[in-house]
């Protein structure tokens, strides 16, 4: 029963590519790759969104990239 619950939790966290990387950032906040991938996901979301959502998504993406670069200045992902 515990394994089933743990499996369901992971499945829920990984329901989309964006939620996968956001859950990875939550579990590993010092991972530059995870922060960069959150930024890339936000850029993709922003490109398809309405203007007011796009500006917020781009701002959040910039913050994610800045965090990735702060953790690893040589990050090729960021």
Protein backbone atom coordinates (compact mmCIF):
# COMPACT_ATOMS: atom_id res chain seq x y z
CA UNK A 1 0.00 0.00 0.00
CA UNK A 2 2.87 2.37 0.79
CA UNK A 3 4.52 1.62 -2.56
CA UNK A 4 1.24 2.31 -4.35
CA UNK A 5 0.90 5.65 -2.57
CA UNK A 6 4.50 6.61 -3.41
CA UNK A 7 3.99 5.61 -7.04
CA UNK A 8 0.82 7.70 -7.27
CA UNK A 9 2.62 10.71 -5.80
CA UNK A 10 5.42 10.51 -8.38
CA UNK A 11 2.91 10.02 -11.19
CA UNK A 12 1.03 13.11 -10.04
CA UNK A 13 4.21 15.19 -9.75
CA UNK A 14 5.33 14.15 -13.24
CA UNK A 15 1.96 14.67 -14.99
CA UNK A 16 3.46 17.30 -17.32
CA UNK A 17 7.00 18.20 -18.30
CA UNK A 18 6.69 21.47 -16.39
CA UNK A 19 5.44 19.79 -13.21
CA UNK A 20 8.28 17.26 -13.47
CA UNK A 21 10.91 20.01 -13.39
CA UNK A 22 9.08 22.05 -10.75
CA UNK A 23 8.94 19.00 -8.49
CA UNK A 24 12.64 18.41 -9.19
CA UNK A 25 13.42 22.00 -8.11
CA UNK A 26 11.36 21.46 -4.95
CA UNK A 27 13.27 18.25 -4.15
CA UNK A 28 16.69 19.54 -5.27
CA UNK A 29 16.75 23.35 -4.96
CA UNK A 30 20.49 23.52 -5.72
CA UNK A 31 20.17 21.83 -9.12
CA UNK A 32 21.06 24.32 -11.88
CA UNK A 33 19.73 21.92 -14.55
CA UNK A 34 16.31 21.76 -12.85
CA UNK A 35 16.05 25.56 -12.59
CA UNK A 36 17.10 25.96 -16.23
CA UNK A 37 14.53 23.40 -17.40
CA UNK A 38 11.80 25.21 -15.45
CA UNK A 39 12.87 28.36 -17.29
CA UNK A 40 12.69 26.65 -20.68
CA UNK A 41 9.24 25.28 -19.87
CA UNK A 42 8.04 28.74 -18.85
CA UNK A 43 9.37 30.19 -22.11
CA UNK A 44 7.43 27.60 -24.08
CA UNK A 45 4.28 28.34 -22.08
CA UNK A 46 4.74 32.08 -22.52
CA UNK A 47 5.08 31.81 -26.28
CA UNK A 48 1.64 30.22 -26.53
CA UNK A 49 -0.07 32.41 -23.92
CA UNK A 50 -1.98 35.67 -23.96
CA UNK A 51 0.03 38.88 -23.60
CA UNK A 52 -0.46 39.40 -19.83
CA UNK A 53 0.36 35.75 -19.07
CA UNK A 54 3.32 35.86 -21.47
CA UNK A 55 4.98 38.74 -19.59
CA UNK A 56 4.63 36.91 -16.27
CA UNK A 57 5.91 33.61 -17.74
CA UNK A 58 8.92 35.36 -19.28
CA UNK A 59 9.69 37.10 -15.98
CA UNK A 60 9.48 33.80 -14.10
CA UNK A 61 11.66 32.14 -16.75
CA UNK A 62 14.27 34.88 -16.34
CA UNK A 63 14.27 34.29 -12.57
CA UNK A 64 14.72 30.54 -13.10
CA UNK A 65 17.64 31.12 -15.49
CA UNK A 66 19.22 33.62 -13.07
CA UNK A 67 18.97 31.05 -10.26
CA UNK A 68 20.53 28.37 -12.48
CA UNK A 69 23.40 30.70 -13.38
CA UNK A 70 23.90 31.67 -9.74
CA UNK A 71 24.24 27.99 -8.85
CA UNK A 72 26.51 27.24 -11.81
CA UNK A 73 27.84 30.19 -13.81
CA UNK A 74 29.00 27.81 -16.57
CA UNK A 75 25.58 26.20 -17.01
CA UNK A 76 25.00 25.61 -20.71
CA UNK A 77 21.29 24.98 -20.05
CA UNK A 78 20.76 28.46 -18.62
